[in-house]
Amino acid sequence: MKFIRSWILYLCIPVGVLEHHIFQLLSKSAESMGLKSFVVGGFVRDLILKRDNKDVDVVVIGSGIDYAQNFYELLPTKEANIAYFKNFGTAQIKYKDWIIEIIGARKESYRRDSRKPIVENGTLEDDQNRRDFTINSLYISLNEPNFGELYDPFNGVQDLQDGIIKTPTDPDTTFSDDPLRMLRAIRFAARLGFEIEQETWNSICRNAHRLEIVSQERITDEFNAMILGTKPSVAFDLLLKSGLLEQFFPEFVKLLGIETIDGKSHKDNFYHTTQVLDQICELTDNLWLRWAAILHDIAKPQTKRFDPEVGWTFHGHEDRGARMVKGIFKRLKLPLDEKMRYVEKLVAMHLRPIVLSKEIVTDSAVRRLVVEAGDDVSDLLILCQADITSKNKIKVAKHIENLKKVEEKIQEVLEKDELRNWQPVLTGNHILERYEIADPRKIGDIKNHVREAILDGIIPNDLEQAFKIADEFAATMNIRIK
């Protein structure tokens, strides 16, 4: 075995991490059962990189289920719970803010047309060979007398130092066995700022089509993890160049490219959008607001037109984009609930504050914006700020200043008009009780007329005033008061 002595490991990681009682109890379980056990994978990688991580993967040469039960019984039971996944020979223990995954060493083999492995009990070497990348193939012994020693079978420490993502064995086999590993390679490269080793990269490009056998749920989980990174544009660029993005998100790939007619060009909407995404990541951790950034210009390819007088236009891309959200969410297995409707709303409205910032901001325009955006108006302004991507710093500063004026006006109108959760005082029931109406559609016509009058500031949101203007409008449609 290729062990690195513990004193070398302690040069790489915060002193005393392995002295935490969790690791002492894991060691005690291993010794009492006569089993060899190791901390492995991302926890070890992040220790060396000095990154916080309380998700611990443990591999044991033997029964992972039995070992997990023994360890669990050593913990204060009121602060811990355990879940067994016997079909996979694994268990998960949650203890305070720690998550410990325990699995028996195994070897895996795959059929060409299936992502589900044939799993058998295996040796430590078998477990090593099924790992995805060298930097995740680092093992720390939990056994006495070599507790804390690092086992590095594929020079993962060197790859960590060099900033390299590389498979431990033949990359074509690694990615063919589980194509999701190609997405993981890109996620790690983007998250850690590493480069993908050339042979590994070439294999990803060759095997991109294999992603088709992976469930959409797994793909979307990885994709969301990339979106939640600090600079997702790096991941998007790698996904594009590898051919992976085309496999599951072709609408986004269509944003790529610049077209020029009569010397007039439009911006590359792919890279504009990834810049917007990076910029919104500096302002919010909200995954769904980040999704709104991703989809805000998604319909530009379908709405692109060239006008000799003004150049390129994308009229209506916000409305068409909002209508595309549901189809994209459905295919990507994203939630079709209020989160989707939130994204739809922001995509549909993302131009509104920007338009207001270019004009004299009236109370009426602000009322409409606030009422239609509701509680999401602040998020809408964040999206608009992130959508400013000009290379001209003076222009950017001017746009941001104008948006701040819109924000100030919104706050002023909110305080003055009490517009939070605003609803017109005149309801459909009021209209039914007051007028003789044969066509139910006329109820909506009257209600909308009153609503517009209130938003335009013609009348206050007062029932008496609302009835007055409703009566006048009803008379134009020959509707009588009861």
Protein backbone atom coordinates (compact mmCIF):
# COMPACT_ATOMS: atom_id res chain seq x y z
CA MET A 1 0.00 0.00 0.00
CA LYS A 2 1.15 3.51 -0.79
CA PHE A 3 0.81 5.30 2.53
CA ILE A 4 1.98 8.84 3.18
CA ARG A 5 3.04 9.20 6.78
CA SER A 6 0.63 11.16 8.97
CA TRP A 7 3.04 14.03 9.61
CA ILE A 8 2.99 14.85 5.89
CA LEU A 9 -0.80 14.88 5.94
CA TYR A 10 -0.84 17.21 8.90
CA LEU A 11 1.27 19.68 6.92
CA CYS A 12 -1.62 19.85 4.44
CA ILE A 13 -4.69 20.08 6.69
CA PRO A 14 -5.79 22.04 9.76
CA VAL A 15 -4.13 20.54 12.81
CA GLY A 16 -6.36 18.43 14.97
CA VAL A 17 -9.26 17.93 12.54
CA LEU A 18 -9.01 14.16 12.89
CA GLU A 19 -9.05 14.50 16.67
CA HIS A 20 -12.77 15.32 16.50
CA HIS A 21 -14.68 12.66 18.47
CA ILE A 22 -16.55 11.55 15.33
CA PHE A 23 -13.34 10.16 13.88
CA GLN A 24 -12.31 8.70 17.20
CA LEU A 25 -15.62 6.83 17.41
CA LEU A 26 -15.33 5.66 13.79
CA SER A 27 -11.90 4.30 14.68
CA LYS A 28 -13.24 2.65 17.83
CA SER A 29 -15.96 0.90 15.79
CA ALA A 30 -13.42 -0.37 13.26
CA GLU A 31 -11.15 -1.73 15.97
CA SER A 32 -13.95 -3.40 17.93
CA MET A 33 -15.21 -5.16 14.78
CA GLY A 34 -11.77 -6.03 13.41
CA LEU A 35 -12.43 -4.12 10.17
CA LYS A 36 -10.33 -1.76 8.11
CA SER A 37 -12.01 1.58 7.48
CA PHE A 38 -11.04 4.81 5.76
CA VAL A 39 -12.32 8.33 5.31
CA VAL A 40 -12.40 8.85 1.55
CA GLY A 41 -13.31 11.25 -1.23
CA GLY A 42 -14.45 14.84 -1.01
CA PHE A 43 -13.90 15.25 2.72
CA VAL A 44 -10.22 14.33 2.39
CA ARG A 45 -9.86 16.50 -0.72
CA ASP A 46 -11.36 19.50 1.06
CA LEU A 47 -9.23 18.95 4.15
CA ILE A 48 -6.12 19.29 2.03
CA LEU A 49 -7.57 22.33 0.25
CA LYS A 50 -8.55 23.80 3.65
CA ARG A 51 -12.22 24.01 2.63
CA ASP A 52 -15.02 23.47 5.15
CA ASN A 53 -16.86 20.19 4.68
CA LYS A 54 -18.93 18.25 7.18
CA ASP A 55 -20.05 15.54 4.75
CA VAL A 56 -17.87 12.53 5.54
CA ASP A 57 -17.67 9.43 3.35
CA VAL A 58 -16.33 6.29 5.03
CA VAL A 59 -15.47 3.05 3.25
CA VAL A 60 -15.10 -0.16 5.25
CA ILE A 61 -13.69 -3.50 4.10
CA GLY A 62 -16.69 -5.53 5.16
CA SER A 63 -20.31 -4.80 5.98
CA GLY A 64 -21.00 -1.08 5.83
CA ILE A 65 -24.43 -1.63 7.41
CA ASP A 66 -23.06 -3.43 10.47
CA TYR A 67 -20.24 -0.94 10.88
CA ALA A 68 -22.68 1.99 10.66
CA GLN A 69 -24.93 0.46 13.30
CA ASN A 70 -21.98 -0.05 15.66
CA PHE A 71 -20.83 3.56 15.15
CA TYR A 72 -24.36 4.92 15.58
CA GLU A 73 -24.73 3.19 18.95
CA LEU A 74 -21.66 5.05 20.20
CA LEU A 75 -23.24 8.44 19.48
CA PRO A 76 -25.67 10.32 21.74
CA THR A 77 -28.88 8.94 20.23
CA LYS A 78 -30.89 12.11 20.90
CA GLU A 79 -28.56 14.04 18.60
CA ALA A 80 -28.20 11.41 15.85
CA ASN A 81 -30.36 9.46 13.45
CA ILE A 82 -29.56 6.74 10.94
CA ALA A 83 -31.01 5.64 7.61
CA TYR A 84 -30.17 2.33 5.93
CA PHE A 85 -30.02 1.67 2.18
CA LYS A 86 -29.58 -2.08 2.26
CA ASN A 87 -29.90 -2.55 -1.50
CA PHE A 88 -26.71 -0.51 -1.85
CA GLY A 89 -25.01 -1.68 1.34
CA THR A 90 -24.87 1.89 2.67
CA ALA A 91 -26.06 3.87 5.65
CA GLN A 92 -26.28 7.56 6.43
CA ILE A 93 -25.91 9.01 9.91
CA LYS A 94 -26.83 12.61 10.66
CA TYR A 95 -25.19 13.89 13.82
CA LYS A 96 -25.58 17.57 14.71
CA ASP A 97 -24.37 19.36 11.55
CA TRP A 98 -22.40 16.36 10.28
CA ILE A 99 -23.51 13.84 7.65
CA ILE A 100 -21.60 10.54 7.63
CA GLU A 101 -22.10 8.17 4.71
CA ILE A 102 -20.80 4.64 5.31
CA ILE A 103 -20.40 2.04 2.59
CA GLY A 104 -18.74 -1.33 2.25
CA ALA A 105 -15.89 -1.55 -0.26
CA ARG A 106 -17.22 -2.81 -3.57
CA LYS A 107 -16.43 -3.37 -7.18
CA GLU A 108 -18.74 -2.36 -10.00
CA SER A 109 -19.24 -3.46 -13.58
CA TYR A 110 -21.58 -1.96 -16.15
CA ARG A 111 -23.47 -3.08 -19.21
CA ARG A 112 -23.07 -0.78 -22.16
CA ASP A 113 -26.73 0.24 -22.27
CA SER A 114 -27.29 0.76 -18.55
CA ARG A 115 -26.19 3.29 -15.95
CA LYS A 116 -26.96 0.81 -13.16
CA PRO A 117 -23.88 -1.10 -12.04
CA ILE A 118 -23.60 -4.73 -11.07
CA VAL A 119 -22.26 -4.39 -7.53
CA GLU A 120 -20.24 -6.98 -5.59
CA ASN A 121 -18.32 -6.88 -2.34
CA GLY A 122 -14.75 -5.90 -3.04
CA THR A 123 -11.31 -5.07 -1.75
CA LEU A 124 -9.87 -1.64 -1.07
CA GLU A 125 -8.24 -1.77 -4.52
CA ASP A 126 -11.65 -2.50 -6.10
CA ASP A 127 -13.07 0.54 -4.33
CA GLN A 128 -10.20 2.72 -5.55
CA ASN A 129 -10.71 1.71 -9.16
CA ARG A 130 -14.38 2.76 -9.15
CA ARG A 131 -13.61 6.32 -7.96
CA ASP A 132 -14.28 9.19 -10.36
CA PHE A 133 -11.17 11.39 -10.08
CA THR A 134 -7.71 11.16 -8.56
CA ILE A 135 -8.43 14.07 -6.23
CA ASN A 136 -11.40 12.12 -4.85
CA SER A 137 -9.38 8.90 -4.49
CA LEU A 138 -7.58 9.87 -1.29
CA TYR A 139 -8.05 7.69 1.79
CA ILE A 140 -7.26 8.39 5.44
CA SER A 141 -6.90 5.34 7.67
CA LEU A 142 -9.15 5.17 10.72
CA ASN A 143 -7.37 2.13 12.20
CA GLU A 144 -4.69 1.90 14.84
CA PRO A 145 -1.71 1.91 14.64
CA ASN A 146 -1.74 3.90 11.34
CA PHE A 147 -4.62 6.23 12.22
CA GLY A 148 -4.45 9.43 10.16
CA GLU A 149 -2.16 8.13 7.46
CA LEU A 150 -3.01 9.08 3.91
CA TYR A 151 -3.33 6.49 1.17
CA ASP A 152 -2.87 8.08 -2.25
CA PRO A 153 -2.97 5.35 -4.93
CA PHE A 154 -3.26 7.69 -7.97
CA ASN A 155 -1.11 10.71 -6.98
CA GLY A 156 -4.19 12.72 -6.08
CA VAL A 157 -2.23 15.02 -3.77
CA GLN A 158 0.00 16.02 -6.66
CA ASP A 159 -3.05 16.67 -8.84
CA LEU A 160 -4.52 18.83 -6.07
CA GLN A 161 -1.30 20.81 -5.95
CA ASP A 162 -1.23 21.12 -9.76
CA GLY A 163 -4.94 21.96 -10.00
CA ILE A 164 -5.78 19.01 -12.26
CA ILE A 165 -9.01 17.04 -12.74
CA LYS A 166 -8.06 13.55 -13.95
CA THR A 167 -9.66 10.12 -13.85
CA PRO A 168 -7.80 7.45 -11.85
CA THR A 169 -8.13 4.87 -14.63
CA ASP A 170 -8.95 4.97 -18.37
CA PRO A 171 -11.30 7.96 -18.80
CA ASP A 172 -13.38 6.33 -21.55
CA THR A 173 -14.18 3.49 -19.16
CA THR A 174 -14.82 5.87 -16.26
CA PHE A 175 -17.26 8.02 -18.24
CA SER A 176 -18.90 5.18 -20.10
CA ASP A 177 -19.56 3.42 -16.77
CA ASP A 178 -21.25 6.49 -15.29
CA PRO A 179 -21.61 9.41 -17.73
CA LEU A 180 -22.68 11.74 -14.92
CA ARG A 181 -19.00 11.86 -13.99
CA MET A 182 -18.46 14.11 -17.02
CA LEU A 183 -20.71 16.74 -15.42
CA ARG A 184 -18.95 16.23 -12.10
CA ALA A 185 -15.59 16.86 -13.78
CA ILE A 186 -16.86 20.19 -15.04
CA ARG A 187 -18.44 21.08 -11.71
CA PHE A 188 -15.19 20.41 -9.85
CA ALA A 189 -13.15 22.32 -12.44
CA ALA A 190 -15.42 25.36 -12.12
CA ARG A 191 -15.79 25.16 -8.36
CA LEU A 192 -12.09 24.65 -7.59
CA GLY A 193 -10.62 26.66 -10.45
CA PHE A 194 -8.85 23.53 -11.76
CA GLU A 195 -8.09 22.44 -15.32
CA ILE A 196 -9.34 19.18 -16.79
CA GLU A 197 -6.38 17.06 -17.89
CA GLN A 198 -6.22 16.82 -21.71
CA GLU A 199 -6.85 13.09 -22.07
CA THR A 200 -9.76 13.32 -19.62
CA TRP A 201 -11.15 16.33 -21.52
CA ASN A 202 -10.88 14.57 -24.88
CA SER A 203 -12.77 11.63 -23.43
CA ILE A 204 -15.57 13.90 -22.17
CA CYS A 205 -15.95 15.33 -25.68
CA ARG A 206 -16.01 11.83 -27.18
CA ASN A 207 -18.53 10.51 -24.69
CA ALA A 208 -20.87 13.51 -24.34
CA HIS A 209 -23.64 11.56 -26.10
CA ARG A 210 -23.54 8.95 -23.32
CA LEU A 211 -25.33 11.46 -21.09
CA GLU A 212 -28.55 10.31 -22.73
CA ILE A 213 -28.67 7.21 -20.51
CA VAL A 214 -28.51 9.26 -17.29
CA SER A 215 -31.76 10.22 -15.57
CA GLN A 216 -32.74 13.86 -15.95
CA GLU A 217 -33.04 14.22 -12.18
CA ARG A 218 -29.34 13.37 -11.70
CA ILE A 219 -28.31 15.70 -14.53
CA THR A 220 -30.35 18.56 -13.10
CA ASP A 221 -28.94 18.05 -9.60
CA GLU A 222 -25.41 18.44 -11.00
CA PHE A 223 -26.44 21.40 -13.13
CA ASN A 224 -28.03 23.17 -10.18
CA ALA A 225 -24.86 22.59 -8.18
CA MET A 226 -22.94 24.39 -10.95
CA ILE A 227 -25.48 27.23 -10.99
CA LEU A 228 -25.02 27.63 -7.23
CA GLY A 229 -21.28 28.11 -7.67
CA THR A 230 -19.53 31.46 -7.34
CA LYS A 231 -18.78 31.78 -11.08
CA PRO A 232 -21.10 29.51 -13.10
CA SER A 233 -19.95 30.99 -16.43
CA VAL A 234 -16.87 28.76 -16.24
CA ALA A 235 -19.05 25.65 -16.04
CA PHE A 236 -21.34 26.86 -18.84
CA ASP A 237 -18.36 27.48 -21.13
CA LEU A 238 -16.98 23.98 -20.48
CA LEU A 239 -20.42 22.42 -20.93
CA LEU A 240 -20.75 24.19 -24.27
CA LYS A 241 -17.30 23.30 -25.60
CA SER A 242 -17.56 19.66 -24.53
CA GLY A 243 -20.92 19.16 -26.24
CA LEU A 244 -22.63 18.28 -22.95
CA LEU A 245 -24.88 21.34 -22.82
CA GLU A 246 -26.45 20.46 -26.16
CA GLN A 247 -27.45 17.10 -24.69
CA PHE A 248 -29.80 18.51 -22.07
CA PHE A 249 -30.24 22.27 -22.60
CA PRO A 250 -30.26 22.98 -26.36
CA GLU A 251 -32.31 26.17 -25.95
CA PHE A 252 -29.37 27.78 -24.19
CA VAL A 253 -26.89 26.73 -26.87
CA LYS A 254 -29.03 28.55 -29.45
CA LEU A 255 -28.12 31.84 -27.75
CA LEU A 256 -24.55 31.42 -29.01
CA GLY A 257 -23.15 33.54 -31.80
CA ILE A 258 -23.08 36.99 -33.35
CA GLU A 259 -24.72 37.87 -36.65
CA THR A 260 -23.76 40.94 -38.71
CA ILE A 261 -25.77 42.61 -41.47
CA ASP A 262 -24.82 45.95 -43.08
CA GLY A 263 -22.08 46.32 -40.53
CA LYS A 264 -24.52 46.06 -37.62
CA SER A 265 -24.03 43.26 -35.07
CA HIS A 266 -25.87 42.10 -31.98
CA LYS A 267 -24.17 40.87 -28.82
CA ASP A 268 -23.47 37.18 -28.23
CA ASN A 269 -26.44 36.35 -26.04
CA PHE A 270 -24.84 33.14 -24.71
CA TYR A 271 -21.93 34.97 -23.13
CA HIS A 272 -24.06 37.96 -22.20
CA THR A 273 -26.35 35.63 -20.24
CA THR A 274 -23.50 33.83 -18.48
CA GLN A 275 -22.10 37.22 -17.50
CA VAL A 276 -25.51 38.21 -16.11
CA LEU A 277 -25.53 34.92 -14.20
CA ASP A 278 -22.08 35.59 -12.72
CA GLN A 279 -23.12 39.10 -11.74
CA ILE A 280 -26.34 37.97 -10.08
CA CYS A 281 -24.33 35.38 -8.12
CA GLU A 282 -22.53 38.31 -6.47
CA LEU A 283 -25.90 39.64 -5.30
CA THR A 284 -27.92 36.56 -4.27
CA ASP A 285 -27.73 32.86 -3.37
CA ASN A 286 -31.35 32.35 -4.51
CA LEU A 287 -31.27 29.44 -6.99
CA TRP A 288 -34.53 30.49 -8.65
CA LEU A 289 -33.42 34.08 -9.10
CA ARG A 290 -30.30 32.65 -10.75
CA TRP A 291 -32.58 30.57 -13.00
CA ALA A 292 -34.41 33.77 -13.93
CA ALA A 293 -31.06 35.20 -15.00
CA ILE A 294 -30.39 32.09 -17.10
CA LEU A 295 -33.76 32.32 -18.86
CA HIS A 296 -34.28 36.07 -19.10
CA ASP A 297 -33.16 36.21 -22.76
CA ILE A 298 -33.90 32.60 -23.71
CA ALA A 299 -36.34 33.60 -26.49
CA LYS A 300 -33.99 36.01 -28.27
CA PRO A 301 -33.11 33.50 -31.03
CA GLN A 302 -36.83 33.10 -31.84
CA THR A 303 -37.58 36.85 -31.79
CA LYS A 304 -34.45 38.14 -33.54
CA ARG A 305 -35.18 40.46 -36.47
CA PHE A 306 -33.08 42.86 -38.52
CA ASP A 307 -34.47 46.33 -39.21
CA PRO A 308 -32.35 48.40 -41.63
CA GLU A 309 -33.34 51.54 -39.74
CA VAL A 310 -32.50 50.46 -36.19
CA GLY A 311 -30.47 47.26 -36.53
CA TRP A 312 -31.20 44.09 -34.58
CA THR A 313 -34.37 43.83 -32.50
CA PHE A 314 -35.76 41.19 -30.15
CA HIS A 315 -39.27 42.54 -29.65
CA GLY A 316 -41.40 40.46 -27.33
CA HIS A 317 -38.59 38.16 -26.21
CA GLU A 318 -39.59 38.69 -22.57
CA ASP A 319 -43.15 37.47 -23.13
CA ARG A 320 -42.15 34.55 -25.33
CA GLY A 321 -39.36 33.65 -22.91
CA ALA A 322 -41.83 33.55 -20.01
CA ARG A 323 -43.99 31.15 -22.02
CA MET A 324 -40.95 28.91 -22.61
CA VAL A 325 -40.17 28.54 -18.89
CA LYS A 326 -42.72 25.82 -18.18
CA GLY A 327 -41.56 23.58 -21.02
CA ILE A 328 -37.92 23.90 -19.97
CA PHE A 329 -38.72 23.28 -16.30
CA LYS A 330 -40.84 20.25 -17.20
CA ARG A 331 -38.14 18.67 -19.35
CA LEU A 332 -35.37 19.37 -16.83
CA LYS A 333 -37.51 17.97 -13.99
CA LEU A 334 -37.48 21.28 -12.14
CA PRO A 335 -40.45 22.07 -9.87
CA LEU A 336 -43.66 23.08 -11.63
CA ASP A 337 -44.92 25.10 -8.68
CA GLU A 338 -44.54 28.59 -7.26
CA LYS A 339 -40.81 28.48 -8.01
CA MET A 340 -41.54 28.08 -11.71
CA ARG A 341 -44.18 30.83 -11.60
CA TYR A 342 -41.66 33.09 -9.85
CA VAL A 343 -39.18 32.55 -12.70
CA GLU A 344 -41.92 33.09 -15.30
CA LYS A 345 -42.84 36.41 -13.68
CA LEU A 346 -39.28 37.70 -13.53
CA VAL A 347 -38.54 36.70 -17.12
CA ALA A 348 -41.73 38.41 -18.31
CA MET A 349 -40.99 41.60 -16.34
CA HIS A 350 -37.20 41.87 -16.63
CA LEU A 351 -37.32 44.84 -19.03
CA ARG A 352 -39.85 46.88 -17.08
CA PRO A 353 -37.58 48.59 -14.52
CA ILE A 354 -34.95 49.20 -17.21
CA VAL A 355 -37.53 50.94 -19.39
CA LEU A 356 -38.63 53.04 -16.42
CA SER A 357 -35.03 54.00 -15.69
CA LYS A 358 -34.77 55.56 -19.15
CA GLU A 359 -37.89 57.71 -18.71
CA ILE A 360 -39.35 60.15 -16.24
CA VAL A 361 -40.63 57.85 -13.53
CA THR A 362 -44.29 58.54 -12.83
CA ASP A 363 -46.23 57.35 -9.82
CA SER A 364 -48.60 55.52 -12.17
CA ALA A 365 -45.82 53.54 -13.86
CA VAL A 366 -44.33 52.62 -10.51
CA ARG A 367 -47.70 51.53 -9.12
CA ARG A 368 -48.16 49.17 -12.05
CA LEU A 369 -44.69 47.72 -11.61
CA VAL A 370 -45.14 47.19 -7.87
CA VAL A 371 -48.61 45.68 -8.18
CA GLU A 372 -47.61 43.26 -10.92
CA ALA A 373 -44.29 42.27 -9.32
CA GLY A 374 -45.77 42.03 -5.83
CA ASP A 375 -43.36 40.77 -3.19
CA ASP A 376 -40.81 39.97 -5.90
CA VAL A 377 -40.13 43.57 -6.90
CA SER A 378 -36.79 43.63 -5.03
CA ASP A 379 -35.65 40.46 -6.80
CA LEU A 380 -36.71 41.98 -10.12
CA LEU A 381 -34.45 44.97 -9.47
CA ILE A 382 -31.56 42.62 -8.62
CA LEU A 383 -32.08 40.86 -11.96
CA CYS A 384 -32.12 44.20 -13.77
CA GLN A 385 -28.91 45.31 -12.10
CA ALA A 386 -27.20 42.05 -13.08
CA ASP A 387 -28.46 42.52 -16.65
CA ILE A 388 -26.20 45.55 -17.15
CA THR A 389 -23.18 44.12 -19.00
CA SER A 390 -21.73 46.97 -21.05
CA LYS A 391 -17.93 47.19 -21.26
CA ASN A 392 -18.28 50.97 -20.93
CA LYS A 393 -17.87 51.61 -17.19
CA ILE A 394 -19.40 55.10 -17.42
CA LYS A 395 -22.47 53.65 -19.14
CA VAL A 396 -22.77 50.91 -16.50
CA ALA A 397 -22.53 53.44 -13.68
CA LYS A 398 -25.24 55.57 -15.31
CA HIS A 399 -27.61 52.60 -15.69
CA ILE A 400 -27.06 51.54 -12.08
CA GLU A 401 -27.70 55.09 -10.87
CA ASN A 402 -30.95 55.22 -12.88
CA LEU A 403 -32.06 51.90 -11.39
CA LYS A 404 -31.39 53.29 -7.92
CA LYS A 405 -33.71 56.19 -8.72
CA VAL A 406 -36.40 53.72 -9.75
CA GLU A 407 -35.85 51.82 -6.50
CA GLU A 408 -36.16 55.02 -4.48
CA LYS A 409 -39.36 55.92 -6.33
CA ILE A 410 -40.75 52.45 -5.64
CA GLN A 411 -40.08 52.85 -1.94
CA GLU A 412 -41.69 56.29 -1.96
CA VAL A 413 -44.85 55.04 -3.69
CA LEU A 414 -45.00 51.96 -1.44
CA GLU A 415 -44.98 54.10 1.66
CA LYS A 416 -47.46 56.61 0.27
CA ASP A 417 -49.97 54.25 -1.33
CA GLU A 418 -49.55 51.18 0.91
CA LEU A 419 -49.25 48.95 -2.14
CA ARG A 420 -47.91 45.81 -0.51
CA ASN A 421 -50.22 42.91 -1.44
CA TRP A 422 -52.41 45.47 -3.18
CA GLN A 423 -55.85 44.52 -4.48
CA PRO A 424 -58.55 46.81 -5.94
CA VAL A 425 -61.22 47.52 -3.35
CA LEU A 426 -63.97 46.69 -5.89
CA THR A 427 -64.43 42.91 -6.17
CA GLY A 428 -66.35 40.67 -8.53
CA ASN A 429 -68.98 40.09 -5.83
CA HIS A 430 -69.56 43.85 -5.54
CA ILE A 431 -70.15 44.02 -9.29
CA LEU A 432 -72.55 41.04 -9.32
CA GLU A 433 -74.60 42.52 -6.48
CA ARG A 434 -74.82 45.98 -8.04
CA TYR A 435 -75.44 45.39 -11.76
CA GLU A 436 -77.74 43.40 -14.01
CA ILE A 437 -75.17 41.42 -15.99
CA ALA A 438 -76.02 38.68 -18.49
CA ASP A 439 -72.50 38.17 -19.84
CA PRO A 440 -70.03 37.15 -17.06
CA ARG A 441 -67.16 38.56 -19.11
CA LYS A 442 -68.48 42.04 -18.42
CA ILE A 443 -67.62 41.56 -14.72
CA GLY A 444 -63.95 41.39 -15.63
CA ASP A 445 -64.27 44.39 -17.95
CA ILE A 446 -65.70 46.56 -15.18
CA LYS A 447 -63.18 45.33 -12.63
CA ASN A 448 -60.25 45.98 -14.97
CA HIS A 449 -61.53 49.46 -15.81
CA VAL A 450 -61.64 50.36 -12.13
CA ARG A 451 -58.24 48.79 -11.53
CA GLU A 452 -56.67 50.86 -14.31
CA ALA A 453 -58.23 54.04 -12.97
CA ILE A 454 -56.77 53.37 -9.52
CA LEU A 455 -53.32 52.53 -10.89
CA ASP A 456 -53.36 55.65 -13.08
CA GLY A 457 -54.10 57.75 -10.03
CA ILE A 458 -57.47 58.94 -11.40
CA ILE A 459 -59.23 57.76 -8.22
CA PRO A 460 -57.99 56.48 -4.87
CA ASN A 461 -58.51 52.84 -3.91
CA ASP A 462 -61.77 53.78 -2.23
CA LEU A 463 -65.05 51.85 -2.63
CA GLU A 464 -67.26 54.90 -3.09
CA GLN A 465 -65.00 56.33 -5.79
CA ALA A 466 -64.69 52.90 -7.38
CA PHE A 467 -68.49 52.53 -7.63
CA LYS A 468 -68.74 55.98 -9.20
CA ILE A 469 -66.35 55.23 -12.02
CA ALA A 470 -67.77 51.70 -12.41
CA ASP A 471 -71.26 53.13 -12.84
CA GLU A 472 -70.05 55.44 -15.59
CA PHE A 473 -68.30 52.60 -17.41
CA ALA A 474 -71.26 50.22 -17.01
CA ALA A 475 -73.54 52.80 -18.62
CA THR A 476 -71.35 52.83 -21.77
CA MET A 477 -72.07 49.08 -22.09
CA ASN A 478 -75.82 49.50 -21.43
CA ILE A 479 -75.55 47.68 -18.12
CA ARG A 480 -78.11 48.82 -15.59
CA ILE A 481 -77.81 49.16 -11.86
CA LYS A 482 -80.18 46.83 -9.98
